[in-house]
Amino acid sequence: MTNFIPIFPLGIVVYPDEQLNLHIFEPRYKQLIKECIAENKPFGIPTVIDKRVAEYGTLVEIVRVEKTYDNGELDVVTRGIKVFRVLEVIKSIPDKLFAGAIVTYPGNTTTGNSRVHAQVLHAMRELHHILQISKQFTKTDEDLQSYDIAHHVGLSLAEEYELLYLFQELQRLEYLKRHLLKVIPLMAEMERLKDRVKLNGHFRNLTTGEA
């Protein structure tokens, strides 16, 4: 399916089913949001990388308006629906301040692999343990998918974007697994280095190595 959507380019990656809170202050996007609310229609958030609108983004719907300010600014809660591919950006639309795009929606498989899924969850929690951070998810472990995990494993913007255009759940899980197996040893070594640095100058009980 191909259709036209209004777009709100941002330097982030939004995934399907992700909740994204937005503060709307620019006149063009205030117009976009108000129109989408009035007509009950979604809009697209294509990722901006190196100041350019990238080829892929995510269609989002407005869940609710959290707050309306006296100057017309808005706080809105949105939710990702599905990934789109930009075929053409329409920069000028009659009577509109915002841009749009002609997009298509690639097929997307959400069935993964239980073994790889378990490996990714275990590695993610190992990373969080090393970093001494705690993450709470609203879904059970069984229901967590790659999109739910991707923002919580230290991917760069470019890596998050690469994951966006992988259209099979198993591909996405394998991508996250490779990333975690690469960064966990590095983070563990950094923690050991930090411990060694902390020891410098402190009194320590040392053995001489004599029998």
N, C-alpha and C. Protein backbone atom coordinates (compact mmCIF):
# COMPACT_ATOMS: atom_id res chain seq x y z
N MET A 1 0.84 -1.20 0.00
CA MET A 1 0.00 0.00 0.00
C MET A 1 0.87 1.24 0.00
N THR A 2 0.47 2.22 -0.82
CA THR A 2 1.18 3.49 -0.89
C THR A 2 0.21 4.60 -0.56
N ASN A 3 0.63 5.56 0.27
CA ASN A 3 -0.24 6.70 0.54
C ASN A 3 0.57 7.93 0.95
N PHE A 4 -0.13 9.03 1.09
CA PHE A 4 0.49 10.30 1.49
C PHE A 4 0.25 10.52 2.97
N ILE A 5 1.30 10.94 3.69
CA ILE A 5 1.16 11.24 5.12
C ILE A 5 1.88 12.54 5.44
N PRO A 6 1.38 13.31 6.41
CA PRO A 6 2.16 14.44 6.92
C PRO A 6 3.34 13.91 7.70
N ILE A 7 4.45 14.62 7.69
CA ILE A 7 5.64 14.11 8.39
C ILE A 7 6.20 15.12 9.38
N PHE A 8 6.80 14.58 10.41
CA PHE A 8 7.43 15.33 11.50
C PHE A 8 8.82 14.73 11.66
N PRO A 9 9.79 15.13 10.83
CA PRO A 9 11.13 14.53 10.91
C PRO A 9 11.82 14.87 12.24
N LEU A 10 12.43 13.86 12.84
CA LEU A 10 13.13 14.04 14.11
C LEU A 10 14.42 13.23 14.11
N GLY A 11 15.37 13.67 14.90
CA GLY A 11 16.65 12.97 15.01
C GLY A 11 16.61 11.82 15.99
N ILE A 12 15.57 11.02 15.91
CA ILE A 12 15.39 9.86 16.78
C ILE A 12 14.83 8.71 15.94
N VAL A 13 14.85 7.51 16.51
CA VAL A 13 14.18 6.37 15.91
C VAL A 13 12.99 6.00 16.79
N VAL A 14 11.84 5.90 16.18
CA VAL A 14 10.63 5.47 16.89
C VAL A 14 10.28 4.07 16.37
N TYR A 15 9.94 3.17 17.29
CA TYR A 15 9.60 1.81 16.89
C TYR A 15 8.09 1.56 17.04
N PRO A 16 7.57 0.61 16.28
CA PRO A 16 6.16 0.25 16.44
C PRO A 16 5.83 -0.11 17.89
N ASP A 17 4.70 0.36 18.35
CA ASP A 17 4.17 0.15 19.70
C ASP A 17 4.90 0.96 20.77
N GLU A 18 5.87 1.75 20.37
CA GLU A 18 6.59 2.60 21.34
C GLU A 18 5.76 3.83 21.68
N GLN A 19 5.73 4.20 22.95
CA GLN A 19 5.10 5.46 23.36
C GLN A 19 6.12 6.57 23.28
N LEU A 20 5.77 7.65 22.62
CA LEU A 20 6.66 8.80 22.49
C LEU A 20 5.91 10.04 22.92
N ASN A 21 6.47 10.76 23.90
CA ASN A 21 5.89 12.01 24.38
C ASN A 21 6.55 13.18 23.65
N LEU A 22 5.74 14.05 23.07
CA LEU A 22 6.26 15.18 22.29
C LEU A 22 5.75 16.50 22.83
N HIS A 23 6.66 17.47 22.92
CA HIS A 23 6.26 18.85 23.21
C HIS A 23 6.26 19.60 21.88
N ILE A 24 5.12 20.08 21.46
CA ILE A 24 4.96 20.70 20.15
C ILE A 24 4.97 22.22 20.31
N PHE A 25 5.96 22.87 19.69
CA PHE A 25 6.06 24.33 19.84
C PHE A 25 6.23 25.08 18.52
N GLU A 26 6.76 24.42 17.48
CA GLU A 26 6.92 25.10 16.20
C GLU A 26 5.56 25.25 15.52
N PRO A 27 5.31 26.42 14.90
CA PRO A 27 4.00 26.65 14.25
C PRO A 27 3.61 25.56 13.25
N ARG A 28 4.57 25.07 12.44
CA ARG A 28 4.22 24.07 11.43
C ARG A 28 3.76 22.76 12.07
N TYR A 29 4.37 22.41 13.20
CA TYR A 29 4.00 21.15 13.82
C TYR A 29 2.78 21.30 14.72
N LYS A 30 2.54 22.51 15.21
CA LYS A 30 1.28 22.76 15.91
C LYS A 30 0.12 22.58 14.92
N GLN A 31 0.32 23.08 13.71
CA GLN A 31 -0.70 22.91 12.67
C GLN A 31 -0.89 21.44 12.33
N LEU A 32 0.22 20.72 12.19
CA LEU A 32 0.16 19.29 11.85
C LEU A 32 -0.60 18.51 12.92
N ILE A 33 -0.25 18.72 14.17
CA ILE A 33 -0.86 17.96 15.27
C ILE A 33 -2.35 18.29 15.39
N LYS A 34 -2.68 19.57 15.30
CA LYS A 34 -4.09 19.95 15.43
C LYS A 34 -4.92 19.36 14.29
N GLU A 35 -4.36 19.31 13.10
CA GLU A 35 -5.06 18.72 11.96
C GLU A 35 -5.24 17.22 12.15
N CYS A 36 -4.20 16.55 12.64
CA CYS A 36 -4.29 15.11 12.87
C CYS A 36 -5.31 14.78 13.95
N ILE A 37 -5.40 15.63 14.98
CA ILE A 37 -6.39 15.43 16.04
C ILE A 37 -7.79 15.62 15.47
N ALA A 38 -7.98 16.70 14.72
CA ALA A 38 -9.30 17.03 14.19
C ALA A 38 -9.80 15.96 13.23
N GLU A 39 -8.89 15.39 12.43
CA GLU A 39 -9.28 14.42 11.41
C GLU A 39 -9.01 12.98 11.83
N ASN A 40 -8.52 12.82 13.08
CA ASN A 40 -8.24 11.48 13.62
C ASN A 40 -7.35 10.68 12.69
N LYS A 41 -6.25 11.27 12.28
CA LYS A 41 -5.35 10.59 11.35
C LYS A 41 -3.92 10.56 11.90
N PRO A 42 -3.11 9.59 11.50
CA PRO A 42 -1.74 9.48 11.98
C PRO A 42 -0.80 10.39 11.20
N PHE A 43 0.44 10.45 11.65
CA PHE A 43 1.48 11.16 10.92
C PHE A 43 2.76 10.35 10.99
N GLY A 44 3.74 10.72 10.19
CA GLY A 44 4.98 9.96 10.13
C GLY A 44 6.14 10.67 10.80
N ILE A 45 6.98 9.89 11.47
CA ILE A 45 8.24 10.42 12.02
C ILE A 45 9.39 9.72 11.31
N PRO A 46 9.88 10.30 10.21
CA PRO A 46 11.09 9.75 9.59
C PRO A 46 12.31 10.19 10.39
N THR A 47 13.28 9.31 10.47
CA THR A 47 14.51 9.61 11.22
C THR A 47 15.38 10.59 10.44
N VAL A 48 15.93 11.56 11.14
CA VAL A 48 16.89 12.49 10.54
C VAL A 48 18.30 12.08 10.98
N ILE A 49 19.14 11.79 10.02
CA ILE A 49 20.53 11.42 10.29
C ILE A 49 21.44 12.32 9.45
N ASP A 50 22.42 12.93 10.11
CA ASP A 50 23.34 13.86 9.43
C ASP A 50 22.56 14.96 8.70
N LYS A 51 21.51 15.46 9.37
CA LYS A 51 20.71 16.58 8.87
C LYS A 51 19.92 16.25 7.61
N ARG A 52 19.74 14.96 7.34
CA ARG A 52 18.97 14.55 6.17
C ARG A 52 17.86 13.60 6.59
N VAL A 53 16.70 13.75 5.96
CA VAL A 53 15.59 12.85 6.23
C VAL A 53 15.93 11.48 5.63
N ALA A 54 15.95 10.47 6.49
CA ALA A 54 16.33 9.13 6.05
C ALA A 54 15.17 8.45 5.32
N GLU A 55 15.47 7.28 4.79
CA GLU A 55 14.51 6.57 3.94
C GLU A 55 13.39 5.92 4.74
N TYR A 56 13.64 5.59 6.00
CA TYR A 56 12.64 4.88 6.80
C TYR A 56 12.22 5.69 8.03
N GLY A 57 11.02 5.44 8.46
CA GLY A 57 10.48 6.07 9.66
C GLY A 57 9.32 5.25 10.17
N THR A 58 8.60 5.81 11.14
CA THR A 58 7.48 5.09 11.74
C THR A 58 6.23 5.94 11.77
N LEU A 59 5.14 5.35 11.34
CA LEU A 59 3.83 5.99 11.42
C LEU A 59 3.37 5.97 12.88
N VAL A 60 2.89 7.10 13.37
CA VAL A 60 2.46 7.18 14.77
C VAL A 60 1.04 7.75 14.85
N GLU A 61 0.36 7.38 15.90
CA GLU A 61 -0.98 7.93 16.17
C GLU A 61 -0.94 8.74 17.46
N ILE A 62 -1.80 9.72 17.55
CA ILE A 62 -1.90 10.53 18.76
C ILE A 62 -2.83 9.83 19.74
N VAL A 63 -2.28 9.47 20.88
CA VAL A 63 -3.07 8.77 21.90
C VAL A 63 -3.90 9.75 22.70
N ARG A 64 -3.26 10.85 23.11
CA ARG A 64 -3.99 11.88 23.85
C ARG A 64 -3.18 13.16 23.90
N VAL A 65 -3.88 14.26 24.16
CA VAL A 65 -3.22 15.55 24.43
C VAL A 65 -3.06 15.66 25.93
N GLU A 66 -1.83 15.71 26.36
CA GLU A 66 -1.55 15.76 27.81
C GLU A 66 -1.77 17.16 28.38
N LYS A 67 -1.39 18.18 27.58
CA LYS A 67 -1.52 19.56 28.07
C LYS A 67 -1.56 20.52 26.90
N THR A 68 -2.39 21.54 27.01
CA THR A 68 -2.43 22.62 26.03
C THR A 68 -2.03 23.91 26.73
N TYR A 69 -1.06 24.62 26.15
CA TYR A 69 -0.55 25.86 26.75
C TYR A 69 -1.27 27.07 26.16
N ASP A 70 -1.19 28.20 26.87
CA ASP A 70 -1.87 29.42 26.43
C ASP A 70 -1.36 29.90 25.07
N ASN A 71 -0.08 29.64 24.78
CA ASN A 71 0.50 30.09 23.51
C ASN A 71 0.26 29.10 22.36
N GLY A 72 -0.54 28.09 22.61
CA GLY A 72 -0.85 27.12 21.56
C GLY A 72 0.05 25.91 21.52
N GLU A 73 1.10 25.90 22.35
CA GLU A 73 1.97 24.73 22.40
C GLU A 73 1.21 23.56 23.03
N LEU A 74 1.70 22.34 22.71
CA LEU A 74 0.99 21.13 23.15
C LEU A 74 1.96 20.09 23.68
N ASP A 75 1.53 19.35 24.66
CA ASP A 75 2.20 18.11 25.05
C ASP A 75 1.30 16.97 24.61
N VAL A 76 1.82 16.10 23.75
CA VAL A 76 0.99 15.00 23.25
C VAL A 76 1.69 13.67 23.48
N VAL A 77 0.90 12.65 23.70
CA VAL A 77 1.38 11.28 23.83
C VAL A 77 1.06 10.57 22.52
N THR A 78 2.07 9.97 21.89
CA THR A 78 1.86 9.26 20.65
C THR A 78 2.31 7.80 20.79
N ARG A 79 1.89 6.98 19.83
CA ARG A 79 2.28 5.56 19.84
C ARG A 79 2.64 5.14 18.42
N GLY A 80 3.77 4.44 18.29
CA GLY A 80 4.19 3.94 16.99
C GLY A 80 3.26 2.87 16.47
N ILE A 81 2.99 2.91 15.16
CA ILE A 81 2.08 1.92 14.56
C ILE A 81 2.86 0.93 13.69
N LYS A 82 3.52 1.45 12.64
CA LYS A 82 4.26 0.56 11.73
C LYS A 82 5.32 1.35 10.99
N VAL A 83 6.30 0.63 10.46
CA VAL A 83 7.43 1.22 9.76
C VAL A 83 7.02 1.55 8.32
N PHE A 84 7.46 2.70 7.85
CA PHE A 84 7.23 3.05 6.46
C PHE A 84 8.55 3.35 5.75
N ARG A 85 8.50 3.29 4.44
CA ARG A 85 9.63 3.68 3.59
C ARG A 85 9.21 4.90 2.79
N VAL A 86 10.05 5.94 2.81
CA VAL A 86 9.75 7.17 2.07
C VAL A 86 10.08 6.98 0.60
N LEU A 87 9.09 7.20 -0.24
CA LEU A 87 9.30 7.16 -1.69
C LEU A 87 9.61 8.56 -2.22
N GLU A 88 8.95 9.56 -1.64
CA GLU A 88 9.18 10.94 -2.07
C GLU A 88 8.76 11.89 -0.96
N VAL A 89 9.58 12.88 -0.67
CA VAL A 89 9.23 13.92 0.29
C VAL A 89 8.58 15.08 -0.47
N ILE A 90 7.43 15.52 0.02
CA ILE A 90 6.71 16.66 -0.57
C ILE A 90 6.92 17.85 0.37
N LYS A 91 7.83 18.73 0.01
CA LYS A 91 8.20 19.82 0.91
C LYS A 91 7.17 20.94 0.97
N SER A 92 6.45 21.13 -0.13
CA SER A 92 5.49 22.23 -0.18
C SER A 92 4.09 21.68 -0.44
N ILE A 93 3.16 21.95 0.50
CA ILE A 93 1.78 21.51 0.39
C ILE A 93 0.90 22.76 0.49
N PRO A 94 -0.04 22.95 -0.42
CA PRO A 94 -0.89 24.15 -0.38
C PRO A 94 -1.58 24.33 0.97
N ASP A 95 -1.47 25.54 1.52
CA ASP A 95 -2.12 25.92 2.78
C ASP A 95 -1.57 25.19 4.01
N LYS A 96 -0.44 24.51 3.84
CA LYS A 96 0.15 23.80 4.98
C LYS A 96 1.55 24.34 5.26
N LEU A 97 1.88 24.41 6.54
CA LEU A 97 3.23 24.82 6.94
C LEU A 97 4.17 23.62 6.99
N PHE A 98 3.62 22.42 7.16
CA PHE A 98 4.42 21.22 7.32
C PHE A 98 4.61 20.50 6.00
N ALA A 99 5.57 19.59 5.97
CA ALA A 99 5.84 18.79 4.78
C ALA A 99 5.10 17.46 4.86
N GLY A 100 5.15 16.72 3.78
CA GLY A 100 4.55 15.39 3.75
C GLY A 100 5.41 14.44 2.96
N ALA A 101 4.96 13.22 2.84
CA ALA A 101 5.72 12.22 2.08
C ALA A 101 4.78 11.18 1.51
N ILE A 102 5.17 10.67 0.35
CA ILE A 102 4.51 9.50 -0.21
C ILE A 102 5.30 8.29 0.29
N VAL A 103 4.62 7.38 0.93
CA VAL A 103 5.30 6.27 1.61
C VAL A 103 4.66 4.94 1.25
N THR A 104 5.41 3.89 1.49
CA THR A 104 4.90 2.53 1.39
C THR A 104 5.26 1.80 2.67
N TYR A 105 4.57 0.68 2.93
CA TYR A 105 4.74 -0.02 4.20
C TYR A 105 5.27 -1.43 3.95
N PRO A 106 6.54 -1.68 4.21
CA PRO A 106 7.11 -3.02 4.00
C PRO A 106 6.45 -4.04 4.92
N GLY A 107 6.37 -5.28 4.45
CA GLY A 107 5.88 -6.36 5.30
C GLY A 107 6.82 -6.57 6.48
N ASN A 108 6.25 -6.92 7.62
CA ASN A 108 7.05 -7.02 8.83
C ASN A 108 6.64 -8.25 9.63
N THR A 109 7.58 -9.17 9.85
CA THR A 109 7.30 -10.40 10.59
C THR A 109 7.63 -10.22 12.07
N THR A 110 6.69 -10.56 12.94
CA THR A 110 6.89 -10.38 14.38
C THR A 110 7.17 -11.69 15.11
N THR A 111 7.23 -12.81 14.38
CA THR A 111 7.52 -14.10 15.01
C THR A 111 9.02 -14.30 15.10
N GLY A 112 9.51 -14.53 16.30
CA GLY A 112 10.95 -14.67 16.50
C GLY A 112 11.36 -16.10 16.78
N ASN A 113 12.34 -16.25 17.67
CA ASN A 113 12.88 -17.55 18.05
C ASN A 113 13.08 -17.53 19.56
N SER A 114 12.48 -18.49 20.26
CA SER A 114 12.48 -18.46 21.73
C SER A 114 13.90 -18.55 22.30
N ARG A 115 14.77 -19.33 21.67
CA ARG A 115 16.13 -19.49 22.18
C ARG A 115 16.91 -18.17 22.05
N VAL A 116 16.85 -17.55 20.88
CA VAL A 116 17.56 -16.28 20.68
C VAL A 116 16.95 -15.19 21.54
N HIS A 117 15.63 -15.21 21.68
CA HIS A 117 14.94 -14.23 22.52
C HIS A 117 15.44 -14.32 23.96
N ALA A 118 15.56 -15.53 24.48
CA ALA A 118 16.05 -15.72 25.85
C ALA A 118 17.50 -15.25 25.98
N GLN A 119 18.32 -15.51 24.97
CA GLN A 119 19.73 -15.08 24.99
C GLN A 119 19.84 -13.56 25.03
N VAL A 120 18.99 -12.90 24.25
CA VAL A 120 19.02 -11.43 24.21
C VAL A 120 18.60 -10.85 25.55
N LEU A 121 17.53 -11.38 26.14
CA LEU A 121 17.08 -10.89 27.44
C LEU A 121 18.15 -11.09 28.51
N HIS A 122 18.78 -12.26 28.51
CA HIS A 122 19.83 -12.54 29.49
C HIS A 122 21.00 -11.58 29.31
N ALA A 123 21.41 -11.35 28.06
CA ALA A 123 22.53 -10.45 27.80
C ALA A 123 22.19 -9.01 28.16
N MET A 124 20.98 -8.60 27.87
CA MET A 124 20.55 -7.24 28.23
C MET A 124 20.63 -7.02 29.74
N ARG A 125 20.16 -8.01 30.48
CA ARG A 125 20.16 -7.86 31.95
C ARG A 125 21.59 -7.94 32.51
N GLU A 126 22.44 -8.70 31.84
CA GLU A 126 23.85 -8.73 32.24
C GLU A 126 24.48 -7.36 32.04
N LEU A 127 24.17 -6.73 30.92
CA LEU A 127 24.69 -5.38 30.65
C LEU A 127 24.18 -4.40 31.71
N HIS A 128 22.91 -4.46 32.01
CA HIS A 128 22.34 -3.56 33.02
C HIS A 128 22.98 -3.79 34.39
N HIS A 129 23.28 -5.05 34.71
CA HIS A 129 23.95 -5.36 35.98
C HIS A 129 25.34 -4.74 36.03
N ILE A 130 26.09 -4.86 34.93
CA ILE A 130 27.43 -4.27 34.86
C ILE A 130 27.36 -2.76 35.04
N LEU A 131 26.37 -2.15 34.40
CA LEU A 131 26.23 -0.70 34.44
C LEU A 131 25.52 -0.20 35.70
N GLN A 132 25.04 -1.15 36.50
CA GLN A 132 24.34 -0.83 37.75
C GLN A 132 23.11 0.05 37.50
N ILE A 133 22.34 -0.34 36.50
CA ILE A 133 21.09 0.35 36.22
C ILE A 133 19.95 -0.66 36.27
N SER A 134 18.76 -0.14 36.54
CA SER A 134 17.58 -1.00 36.64
C SER A 134 16.54 -0.54 35.64
N LYS A 135 16.03 -1.45 34.85
CA LYS A 135 15.02 -1.14 33.85
C LYS A 135 13.76 -1.95 34.15
N GLN A 136 12.64 -1.26 34.18
CA GLN A 136 11.36 -1.92 34.39
C GLN A 136 10.55 -1.85 33.10
N PHE A 137 10.04 -2.99 32.68
CA PHE A 137 9.23 -3.05 31.47
C PHE A 137 7.78 -3.34 31.85
N THR A 138 6.87 -2.78 31.09
CA THR A 138 5.45 -2.99 31.37
C THR A 138 4.97 -4.35 30.88
N LYS A 139 5.74 -4.97 29.97
CA LYS A 139 5.38 -6.27 29.43
C LYS A 139 6.12 -7.38 30.17
N THR A 140 5.59 -8.58 30.12
CA THR A 140 6.30 -9.73 30.65
C THR A 140 7.46 -10.08 29.73
N ASP A 141 8.41 -10.88 30.24
CA ASP A 141 9.55 -11.29 29.41
C ASP A 141 9.10 -11.96 28.12
N GLU A 142 8.06 -12.80 28.23
CA GLU A 142 7.59 -13.54 27.05
C GLU A 142 7.05 -12.60 25.97
N ASP A 143 6.49 -11.47 26.40
CA ASP A 143 5.87 -10.55 25.45
C ASP A 143 6.83 -9.48 24.92
N LEU A 144 8.01 -9.36 25.54
CA LEU A 144 8.97 -8.36 25.07
C LEU A 144 9.48 -8.74 23.69
N GLN A 145 9.48 -7.77 22.79
CA GLN A 145 10.00 -7.99 21.46
C GLN A 145 11.22 -7.10 21.22
N SER A 146 11.84 -7.31 20.08
CA SER A 146 13.06 -6.55 19.77
C SER A 146 12.82 -5.05 19.86
N TYR A 147 11.67 -4.58 19.38
CA TYR A 147 11.37 -3.15 19.42
C TYR A 147 11.30 -2.63 20.85
N ASP A 148 10.83 -3.47 21.79
CA ASP A 148 10.74 -3.05 23.19
C ASP A 148 12.12 -2.92 23.83
N ILE A 149 13.05 -3.72 23.34
CA ILE A 149 14.38 -3.83 23.96
C ILE A 149 15.38 -2.85 23.35
N ALA A 150 15.19 -2.50 22.09
CA ALA A 150 16.23 -1.82 21.30
C ALA A 150 16.77 -0.53 21.91
N HIS A 151 15.89 0.24 22.58
CA HIS A 151 16.35 1.50 23.17
C HIS A 151 17.10 1.30 24.49
N HIS A 152 17.21 0.06 24.95
CA HIS A 152 17.74 -0.21 26.29
C HIS A 152 19.04 -1.01 26.30
N VAL A 153 19.72 -1.05 25.16
CA VAL A 153 20.96 -1.84 25.10
C VAL A 153 22.15 -1.02 24.61
N GLY A 154 21.99 0.31 24.56
CA GLY A 154 23.13 1.16 24.22
C GLY A 154 23.44 1.28 22.75
N LEU A 155 22.44 1.09 21.89
CA LEU A 155 22.67 1.28 20.46
C LEU A 155 22.85 2.75 20.15
N SER A 156 23.68 3.05 19.16
CA SER A 156 23.79 4.42 18.67
C SER A 156 22.57 4.73 17.81
N LEU A 157 22.39 5.99 17.44
CA LEU A 157 21.28 6.36 16.57
C LEU A 157 21.36 5.60 15.25
N ALA A 158 22.55 5.51 14.69
CA ALA A 158 22.73 4.79 13.42
C ALA A 158 22.36 3.33 13.56
N GLU A 159 22.72 2.72 14.70
CA GLU A 159 22.40 1.30 14.93
C GLU A 159 20.90 1.11 15.15
N GLU A 160 20.28 2.03 15.90
CA GLU A 160 18.83 1.95 16.08
C GLU A 160 18.13 2.05 14.73
N TYR A 161 18.65 2.91 13.87
CA TYR A 161 18.06 3.06 12.54
C TYR A 161 18.24 1.80 11.70
N GLU A 162 19.41 1.18 11.79
CA GLU A 162 19.63 -0.08 11.07
C GLU A 162 18.61 -1.13 11.49
N LEU A 163 18.33 -1.19 12.77
CA LEU A 163 17.34 -2.15 13.27
C LEU A 163 15.95 -1.86 12.71
N LEU A 164 15.67 -0.57 12.47
CA LEU A 164 14.34 -0.17 12.00
C LEU A 164 14.00 -0.81 10.66
N TYR A 165 15.00 -0.97 9.79
CA TYR A 165 14.67 -1.56 8.49
C TYR A 165 15.10 -3.03 8.37
N LEU A 166 15.11 -3.71 9.49
CA LEU A 166 15.14 -5.17 9.50
C LEU A 166 13.70 -5.62 9.71
N PHE A 167 13.15 -6.39 8.77
CA PHE A 167 11.71 -6.64 8.78
C PHE A 167 11.32 -8.04 9.20
N GLN A 168 12.23 -8.73 9.88
CA GLN A 168 11.91 -10.02 10.49
C GLN A 168 12.36 -9.98 11.95
N GLU A 169 11.52 -10.44 12.85
CA GLU A 169 11.84 -10.39 14.27
C GLU A 169 13.12 -11.15 14.59
N LEU A 170 13.34 -12.29 13.94
CA LEU A 170 14.55 -13.05 14.20
C LEU A 170 15.79 -12.25 13.78
N GLN A 171 15.72 -11.54 12.66
CA GLN A 171 16.84 -10.68 12.24
C GLN A 171 17.14 -9.63 13.29
N ARG A 172 16.09 -9.03 13.81
CA ARG A 172 16.27 -7.98 14.81
C ARG A 172 16.87 -8.53 16.10
N LEU A 173 16.39 -9.70 16.53
CA LEU A 173 16.93 -10.33 17.73
C LEU A 173 18.41 -10.70 17.54
N GLU A 174 18.75 -11.24 16.39
CA GLU A 174 20.15 -11.58 16.11
C GLU A 174 21.02 -10.32 16.10
N TYR A 175 20.49 -9.22 15.59
CA TYR A 175 21.23 -7.95 15.57
C TYR A 175 21.52 -7.50 17.01
N LEU A 176 20.50 -7.55 17.85
CA LEU A 176 20.68 -7.15 19.26
C LEU A 176 21.65 -8.09 19.97
N LYS A 177 21.56 -9.38 19.68
CA LYS A 177 22.45 -10.36 20.30
C LYS A 177 23.91 -10.06 19.94
N ARG A 178 24.17 -9.81 18.65
CA ARG A 178 25.55 -9.49 18.22
C ARG A 178 26.06 -8.23 18.91
N HIS A 179 25.20 -7.23 19.00
CA HIS A 179 25.60 -5.98 19.66
C HIS A 179 25.95 -6.22 21.13
N LEU A 180 25.09 -6.95 21.83
CA LEU A 180 25.32 -7.18 23.26
C LEU A 180 26.56 -8.02 23.51
N LEU A 181 26.79 -9.03 22.70
CA LEU A 181 27.98 -9.86 22.87
C LEU A 181 29.26 -9.08 22.57
N LYS A 182 29.12 -8.01 21.82
CA LYS A 182 30.28 -7.15 21.53
C LYS A 182 30.54 -6.15 22.66
N VAL A 183 29.48 -5.56 23.21
CA VAL A 183 29.68 -4.47 24.17
C VAL A 183 29.85 -4.97 25.61
N ILE A 184 29.28 -6.13 25.94
CA ILE A 184 29.37 -6.59 27.33
C ILE A 184 30.83 -6.79 27.78
N PRO A 185 31.68 -7.47 27.00
CA PRO A 185 33.08 -7.58 27.43
C PRO A 185 33.77 -6.22 27.57
N LEU A 186 33.44 -5.29 26.71
CA LEU A 186 34.04 -3.95 26.79
C LEU A 186 33.60 -3.24 28.07
N MET A 187 32.31 -3.33 28.39
CA MET A 187 31.80 -2.68 29.60
C MET A 187 32.37 -3.35 30.85
N ALA A 188 32.48 -4.68 30.82
CA ALA A 188 33.05 -5.39 31.96
C ALA A 188 34.49 -4.97 32.21
N GLU A 189 35.26 -4.83 31.13
CA GLU A 189 36.65 -4.41 31.26
C GLU A 189 36.74 -2.98 31.79
N MET A 190 35.82 -2.12 31.36
CA MET A 190 35.81 -0.74 31.87
C MET A 190 35.53 -0.71 33.37
N GLU A 191 34.63 -1.60 33.81
CA GLU A 191 34.34 -1.67 35.24
C GLU A 191 35.56 -2.15 36.03
N ARG A 192 36.27 -3.14 35.46
CA ARG A 192 37.49 -3.62 36.12
C ARG A 192 38.55 -2.52 36.16
N LEU A 193 38.65 -1.76 35.09
CA LEU A 193 39.60 -0.65 35.05
C LEU A 193 39.24 0.39 36.10
N LYS A 194 37.95 0.67 36.21
CA LYS A 194 37.50 1.64 37.21
C LYS A 194 37.86 1.18 38.62
N ASP A 195 37.70 -0.12 38.87
CA ASP A 195 38.06 -0.67 40.19
C ASP A 195 39.56 -0.54 40.44
N ARG A 196 40.36 -0.78 39.41
CA ARG A 196 41.81 -0.66 39.58
C ARG A 196 42.22 0.79 39.86
N VAL A 197 41.57 1.70 39.20
CA VAL A 197 41.87 3.12 39.41
C VAL A 197 41.50 3.53 40.83
N LYS A 198 40.38 3.02 41.33
CA LYS A 198 39.94 3.35 42.69
C LYS A 198 40.93 2.84 43.73
N LEU A 199 41.59 1.71 43.46
CA LEU A 199 42.53 1.11 44.42
C LEU A 199 43.79 1.94 44.60
N ASN A 200 44.16 2.70 43.60
CA ASN A 200 45.41 3.44 43.64
C ASN A 200 45.44 4.40 44.83
N GLY A 201 46.47 4.25 45.69
CA GLY A 201 46.63 5.15 46.83
C GLY A 201 45.99 4.64 48.10
N HIS A 202 45.23 3.55 48.03
CA HIS A 202 44.59 3.02 49.23
C HIS A 202 45.47 1.93 49.86
N PHE A 203 45.34 1.74 51.19
CA PHE A 203 46.06 0.66 51.87
C PHE A 203 45.44 -0.67 51.48
N ARG A 204 46.28 -1.61 51.14
CA ARG A 204 45.79 -2.92 50.73
C ARG A 204 46.57 -4.03 51.45
N ASN A 205 45.91 -5.14 51.69
CA ASN A 205 46.58 -6.31 52.24
C ASN A 205 47.14 -7.12 51.08
N LEU A 206 48.47 -7.19 50.99
CA LEU A 206 49.11 -7.87 49.87
C LEU A 206 49.90 -9.07 50.38
N THR A 207 49.88 -10.15 49.65
CA THR A 207 50.70 -11.31 49.99
C THR A 207 52.03 -11.22 49.24
N THR A 208 53.07 -11.80 49.82
CA THR A 208 54.40 -11.72 49.22
C THR A 208 54.63 -12.79 48.17
N GLY A 209 53.77 -13.79 48.15
CA GLY A 209 53.95 -14.89 47.19
C GLY A 209 54.88 -15.97 47.71
N GLU A 210 55.39 -15.81 48.95
CA GLU A 210 56.29 -16.81 49.53
C GLU A 210 55.48 -17.98 50.07
N ALA A 211 56.07 -19.16 50.02
CA ALA A 211 55.41 -20.36 50.55
C ALA A 211 55.39 -20.30 52.07
